Amino acid sequence: GENKDGTNIQTYSANNADAQKFKLIAGSSNNTYGILTKVSSNEKALDVYNFGTADGSNVCQWTYYANSCQLWVFEPCSN
């Protein structure tokens, strides 16, 4: 629930806290989105640490700059 760059994103039991609330904003292309964190007053976003591309790369919170490591694509899936 911290509002600082580098705060680790983790799973936790749902408790309706601001640390578990997010806001989507359109990215630079039609199918990308930034995922902003409410705990940062929508100033920080989910970010793949150090622009990682390998399996297991860490996801943290970082000031939103719409960098490639902060843009996400949502794809449909079936149950």
N, C-alpha and C. Protein backbone atom coordinates (compact mmCIF):
# COMPACT_ATOMS: atom_id res chain seq x y z
N GLY A 1 0.79 -1.20 0.00
CA GLY A 1 0.00 0.00 0.00
C GLY A 1 0.84 1.27 0.00
N GLU A 2 2.11 1.18 -0.34
CA GLU A 2 2.96 2.37 -0.33
C GLU A 2 2.85 3.15 -1.64
N ASN A 3 3.09 4.44 -1.55
CA ASN A 3 3.07 5.31 -2.72
C ASN A 3 4.49 5.74 -3.04
N LYS A 4 5.32 4.80 -3.47
CA LYS A 4 6.68 5.16 -3.88
C LYS A 4 7.12 4.28 -5.03
N ASP A 5 8.03 4.82 -5.86
CA ASP A 5 8.55 4.07 -6.99
C ASP A 5 9.25 2.81 -6.49
N GLY A 6 9.05 1.71 -7.20
CA GLY A 6 9.69 0.45 -6.87
C GLY A 6 8.91 -0.42 -5.91
N THR A 7 7.77 0.06 -5.42
CA THR A 7 6.96 -0.77 -4.53
C THR A 7 6.53 -2.03 -5.26
N ASN A 8 6.78 -3.17 -4.67
CA ASN A 8 6.46 -4.46 -5.29
C ASN A 8 4.95 -4.66 -5.37
N ILE A 9 4.51 -5.23 -6.48
CA ILE A 9 3.10 -5.61 -6.64
C ILE A 9 2.98 -7.08 -6.26
N GLN A 10 2.04 -7.39 -5.40
CA GLN A 10 1.87 -8.77 -4.95
C GLN A 10 0.38 -9.10 -4.84
N THR A 11 0.08 -10.37 -4.79
CA THR A 11 -1.30 -10.78 -4.58
C THR A 11 -1.58 -10.80 -3.08
N TYR A 12 -2.82 -10.52 -2.73
CA TYR A 12 -3.22 -10.45 -1.33
C TYR A 12 -4.72 -10.66 -1.27
N SER A 13 -5.21 -11.21 -0.19
CA SER A 13 -6.65 -11.42 -0.04
C SER A 13 -7.39 -10.11 -0.23
N ALA A 14 -8.50 -10.17 -0.94
CA ALA A 14 -9.28 -8.97 -1.22
C ALA A 14 -9.75 -8.32 0.07
N ASN A 15 -9.52 -7.00 0.18
CA ASN A 15 -9.98 -6.26 1.37
C ASN A 15 -10.50 -4.87 1.02
N ASN A 16 -10.64 -4.58 -0.28
CA ASN A 16 -11.19 -3.33 -0.78
C ASN A 16 -10.33 -2.10 -0.44
N ALA A 17 -9.07 -2.29 -0.14
CA ALA A 17 -8.17 -1.18 0.16
C ALA A 17 -7.76 -0.48 -1.14
N ASP A 18 -7.33 0.77 -1.04
CA ASP A 18 -6.89 1.52 -2.21
C ASP A 18 -5.73 0.84 -2.92
N ALA A 19 -4.92 0.08 -2.20
CA ALA A 19 -3.79 -0.64 -2.81
C ALA A 19 -4.27 -1.73 -3.76
N GLN A 20 -5.55 -2.06 -3.73
CA GLN A 20 -6.10 -3.09 -4.61
C GLN A 20 -7.01 -2.50 -5.68
N LYS A 21 -6.93 -1.18 -5.87
CA LYS A 21 -7.78 -0.53 -6.86
C LYS A 21 -6.90 0.09 -7.95
N PHE A 22 -7.35 -0.05 -9.19
CA PHE A 22 -6.57 0.38 -10.35
C PHE A 22 -7.45 1.14 -11.33
N LYS A 23 -6.81 1.91 -12.19
CA LYS A 23 -7.52 2.67 -13.23
C LYS A 23 -6.81 2.42 -14.55
N LEU A 24 -7.56 2.07 -15.58
CA LEU A 24 -7.01 1.87 -16.92
C LEU A 24 -7.06 3.18 -17.70
N ILE A 25 -5.96 3.48 -18.41
CA ILE A 25 -5.97 4.61 -19.33
C ILE A 25 -5.40 4.13 -20.67
N ALA A 26 -5.92 4.68 -21.74
CA ALA A 26 -5.48 4.29 -23.08
C ALA A 26 -4.01 4.62 -23.26
N GLY A 27 -3.28 3.69 -23.87
CA GLY A 27 -1.87 3.89 -24.17
C GLY A 27 -1.69 4.55 -25.53
N SER A 28 -0.48 4.48 -26.04
CA SER A 28 -0.15 5.15 -27.28
C SER A 28 -0.72 4.46 -28.52
N SER A 29 -1.06 3.19 -28.42
CA SER A 29 -1.72 2.50 -29.53
C SER A 29 -3.10 2.05 -29.07
N ASN A 30 -3.91 1.64 -30.02
CA ASN A 30 -5.31 1.33 -29.71
C ASN A 30 -5.50 0.17 -28.75
N ASN A 31 -4.54 -0.74 -28.69
CA ASN A 31 -4.78 -1.92 -27.86
C ASN A 31 -3.88 -1.98 -26.62
N THR A 32 -3.28 -0.86 -26.21
CA THR A 32 -2.46 -0.87 -25.00
C THR A 32 -3.08 0.04 -23.93
N TYR A 33 -2.80 -0.31 -22.68
CA TYR A 33 -3.35 0.44 -21.56
C TYR A 33 -2.31 0.57 -20.46
N GLY A 34 -2.32 1.72 -19.80
CA GLY A 34 -1.58 1.88 -18.56
C GLY A 34 -2.50 1.50 -17.42
N ILE A 35 -1.96 0.85 -16.40
CA ILE A 35 -2.75 0.44 -15.24
C ILE A 35 -2.26 1.26 -14.05
N LEU A 36 -2.99 2.32 -13.72
CA LEU A 36 -2.60 3.24 -12.66
C LEU A 36 -3.07 2.73 -11.30
N THR A 37 -2.33 3.07 -10.26
CA THR A 37 -2.67 2.62 -8.91
C THR A 37 -3.38 3.73 -8.15
N LYS A 38 -4.47 3.38 -7.51
CA LYS A 38 -5.23 4.37 -6.74
C LYS A 38 -4.43 4.87 -5.54
N VAL A 39 -3.63 3.98 -4.93
CA VAL A 39 -2.85 4.37 -3.76
C VAL A 39 -1.88 5.52 -4.09
N SER A 40 -1.55 5.71 -5.36
CA SER A 40 -0.65 6.80 -5.78
C SER A 40 -1.42 7.99 -6.34
N SER A 41 -2.71 8.02 -6.13
CA SER A 41 -3.57 9.06 -6.72
C SER A 41 -3.46 9.07 -8.24
N ASN A 42 -3.30 7.87 -8.83
CA ASN A 42 -3.21 7.67 -10.27
C ASN A 42 -1.99 8.31 -10.91
N GLU A 43 -0.92 8.48 -10.16
CA GLU A 43 0.32 9.03 -10.70
C GLU A 43 1.34 7.94 -11.03
N LYS A 44 1.16 6.75 -10.46
CA LYS A 44 2.09 5.64 -10.70
C LYS A 44 1.32 4.49 -11.34
N ALA A 45 2.07 3.60 -11.99
CA ALA A 45 1.43 2.52 -12.74
C ALA A 45 2.16 1.20 -12.53
N LEU A 46 1.49 0.11 -12.91
CA LEU A 46 2.17 -1.18 -12.93
C LEU A 46 3.29 -1.10 -13.95
N ASP A 47 4.44 -1.61 -13.59
CA ASP A 47 5.67 -1.44 -14.37
C ASP A 47 6.48 -2.73 -14.26
N VAL A 48 6.97 -3.25 -15.38
CA VAL A 48 7.87 -4.40 -15.33
C VAL A 48 9.26 -3.86 -15.03
N TYR A 49 9.77 -4.25 -13.86
CA TYR A 49 11.02 -3.69 -13.34
C TYR A 49 12.17 -3.82 -14.34
N ASN A 50 12.87 -2.72 -14.54
CA ASN A 50 14.09 -2.68 -15.36
C ASN A 50 13.82 -3.12 -16.81
N PHE A 51 12.60 -2.87 -17.31
CA PHE A 51 12.21 -3.23 -18.68
C PHE A 51 12.38 -4.73 -18.94
N GLY A 52 12.22 -5.56 -17.91
CA GLY A 52 12.41 -7.00 -18.03
C GLY A 52 11.50 -7.64 -19.07
N THR A 53 12.02 -8.61 -19.78
CA THR A 53 11.22 -9.36 -20.76
C THR A 53 11.26 -10.86 -20.50
N ALA A 54 12.07 -11.30 -19.57
CA ALA A 54 12.20 -12.73 -19.27
C ALA A 54 11.06 -13.20 -18.37
N ASP A 55 10.73 -14.48 -18.50
CA ASP A 55 9.77 -15.08 -17.58
C ASP A 55 10.21 -14.80 -16.15
N GLY A 56 9.27 -14.44 -15.30
CA GLY A 56 9.58 -14.18 -13.90
C GLY A 56 10.01 -12.76 -13.61
N SER A 57 10.03 -11.88 -14.61
CA SER A 57 10.38 -10.47 -14.36
C SER A 57 9.41 -9.89 -13.34
N ASN A 58 9.91 -9.06 -12.45
CA ASN A 58 9.10 -8.51 -11.36
C ASN A 58 8.22 -7.35 -11.83
N VAL A 59 7.03 -7.28 -11.27
CA VAL A 59 6.14 -6.16 -11.53
C VAL A 59 6.11 -5.29 -10.28
N CYS A 60 6.34 -3.99 -10.48
CA CYS A 60 6.34 -3.05 -9.37
C CYS A 60 5.48 -1.84 -9.77
N GLN A 61 5.46 -0.85 -8.92
CA GLN A 61 4.77 0.42 -9.18
C GLN A 61 5.83 1.47 -9.46
N TRP A 62 5.61 2.29 -10.51
CA TRP A 62 6.58 3.34 -10.87
C TRP A 62 5.83 4.53 -11.45
N THR A 63 6.40 5.72 -11.30
CA THR A 63 5.79 6.91 -11.88
C THR A 63 5.46 6.65 -13.35
N TYR A 64 4.25 7.01 -13.76
CA TYR A 64 3.76 6.68 -15.10
C TYR A 64 4.33 7.61 -16.15
N TYR A 65 5.05 7.02 -17.11
CA TYR A 65 5.60 7.75 -18.25
C TYR A 65 5.14 7.15 -19.57
N ALA A 66 4.27 6.15 -19.55
CA ALA A 66 3.80 5.44 -20.74
C ALA A 66 4.95 4.74 -21.47
N ASN A 67 5.96 4.30 -20.72
CA ASN A 67 7.05 3.52 -21.30
C ASN A 67 6.53 2.14 -21.71
N SER A 68 7.27 1.46 -22.56
CA SER A 68 6.85 0.14 -23.03
C SER A 68 6.68 -0.84 -21.87
N CYS A 69 7.43 -0.68 -20.80
CA CYS A 69 7.32 -1.59 -19.66
C CYS A 69 6.11 -1.27 -18.78
N GLN A 70 5.35 -0.24 -19.14
CA GLN A 70 4.17 0.16 -18.38
C GLN A 70 2.88 0.03 -19.18
N LEU A 71 2.98 -0.47 -20.40
CA LEU A 71 1.80 -0.61 -21.24
C LEU A 71 1.41 -2.08 -21.36
N TRP A 72 0.15 -2.34 -21.22
CA TRP A 72 -0.38 -3.70 -21.15
C TRP A 72 -1.42 -3.91 -22.23
N VAL A 73 -1.53 -5.16 -22.69
CA VAL A 73 -2.53 -5.54 -23.69
C VAL A 73 -3.48 -6.54 -23.05
N PHE A 74 -4.76 -6.30 -23.17
CA PHE A 74 -5.77 -7.23 -22.67
C PHE A 74 -6.27 -8.07 -23.84
N GLU A 75 -6.29 -9.37 -23.65
CA GLU A 75 -6.72 -10.29 -24.68
C GLU A 75 -7.86 -11.14 -24.16
N PRO A 76 -8.85 -11.42 -25.01
CA PRO A 76 -9.95 -12.28 -24.57
C PRO A 76 -9.46 -13.69 -24.30
N CYS A 77 -10.10 -14.34 -23.37
CA CYS A 77 -9.77 -15.74 -23.08
C CYS A 77 -11.07 -16.47 -22.79
N SER A 78 -11.00 -17.77 -22.85
CA SER A 78 -12.18 -18.57 -22.53
C SER A 78 -11.97 -19.23 -21.18
N ASN A 79 -13.06 -19.59 -20.57
CA ASN A 79 -12.98 -20.23 -19.24
C ASN A 79 -12.47 -21.62 -19.33
